[in-house]
Amino acid sequence: MVVSTSGIRPTRTAYLHVDYRKITPIEEPLTAQGHISSVDGRKVFIDATMTTADGSVLSEANGLMVHLLPHQP
């Protein structure tokens, strides 16, 4: 997973935890939403959910992304 937006240096996943709440249906529209919950120096903490069209939560995730240093690929 990579968190990247215009003008912000790239990150890499340091930690990712997913709670699977329900079986994910196939051939059905799903919505994935994520946001940055906090930033501490190079650390970017994220939260995300995946839901069905009727709003049922299929999975919830949280993670830690770390901004790369200039010399890191």
Protein backbone atom coordinates (compact mmCIF):
# COMPACT_ATOMS: atom_id res chain seq x y z
CA MET A 1 0.00 0.00 0.00
CA VAL A 2 1.28 3.44 -0.87
CA VAL A 3 -0.14 6.71 0.38
CA SER A 4 0.59 9.44 -2.13
CA THR A 5 -0.94 12.76 -3.04
CA SER A 6 0.33 15.61 -5.13
CA GLY A 7 3.26 17.37 -3.51
CA ILE A 8 3.75 14.88 -0.68
CA ARG A 9 6.73 12.51 -0.70
CA PRO A 10 6.00 8.77 -1.06
CA THR A 11 5.39 6.41 1.86
CA ARG A 12 5.60 2.69 2.50
CA THR A 13 3.49 0.45 4.71
CA ALA A 14 5.07 -0.23 8.11
CA TYR A 15 1.98 -1.86 9.66
CA LEU A 16 -1.45 -2.84 8.36
CA HIS A 17 -4.25 -4.48 10.36
CA VAL A 18 -7.55 -5.55 8.79
CA ASP A 19 -10.67 -6.74 10.64
CA TYR A 20 -12.89 -8.73 8.29
CA ARG A 21 -16.49 -8.20 9.46
CA LYS A 22 -18.48 -9.98 6.72
CA ILE A 23 -17.86 -12.06 3.61
CA THR A 24 -17.10 -9.77 0.67
CA PRO A 25 -19.62 -10.29 -2.14
CA ILE A 26 -18.45 -10.61 -5.73
CA GLU A 27 -19.90 -8.82 -8.75
CA GLU A 28 -21.44 -6.16 -6.51
CA PRO A 29 -20.46 -2.48 -6.19
CA LEU A 30 -18.33 -1.79 -3.10
CA THR A 31 -17.05 1.42 -1.58
CA ALA A 32 -13.59 1.76 -0.04
CA GLN A 33 -12.93 4.88 2.01
CA GLY A 34 -9.74 5.82 3.77
CA HIS A 35 -8.38 8.83 5.57
CA ILE A 36 -5.33 10.02 7.43
CA SER A 37 -6.14 10.01 11.14
CA SER A 38 -2.91 11.65 12.33
CA VAL A 39 0.64 12.52 11.37
CA ASP A 40 3.68 12.38 13.67
CA GLY A 41 6.88 13.36 11.88
CA ARG A 42 7.46 10.76 9.13
CA LYS A 43 4.64 8.54 10.48
CA VAL A 44 1.21 8.71 8.84
CA PHE A 45 -1.59 6.84 10.65
CA ILE A 46 -4.49 5.74 8.47
CA ASP A 47 -7.99 4.28 8.89
CA ALA A 48 -10.17 2.70 6.19
CA THR A 49 -13.45 0.86 5.66
CA MET A 50 -15.02 -1.17 2.87
CA THR A 51 -18.82 -1.19 2.62
CA THR A 52 -21.58 -2.52 0.39
CA ALA A 53 -24.02 -0.26 -1.46
CA ASP A 54 -26.49 -0.54 1.46
CA GLY A 55 -23.81 0.55 3.96
CA SER A 56 -22.94 -2.82 5.50
CA VAL A 57 -19.36 -2.76 6.78
CA LEU A 58 -17.33 -5.58 5.25
CA SER A 59 -13.92 -4.69 6.65
CA GLU A 60 -12.15 -2.07 8.71
CA ALA A 61 -8.43 -1.35 8.63
CA ASN A 62 -5.82 0.79 10.32
CA GLY A 63 -2.22 1.19 9.49
CA LEU A 64 1.01 3.07 9.77
CA MET A 65 2.71 4.49 6.71
CA VAL A 66 6.23 5.95 6.90
CA HIS A 67 7.48 8.73 4.62
CA LEU A 68 10.61 7.68 2.77
CA LEU A 69 13.85 9.55 3.22
CA PRO A 70 15.25 11.26 0.08
CA HIS A 71 17.76 8.44 -0.60
CA GLN A 72 15.22 5.60 -0.19
CA PRO A 73 13.66 4.07 -3.35
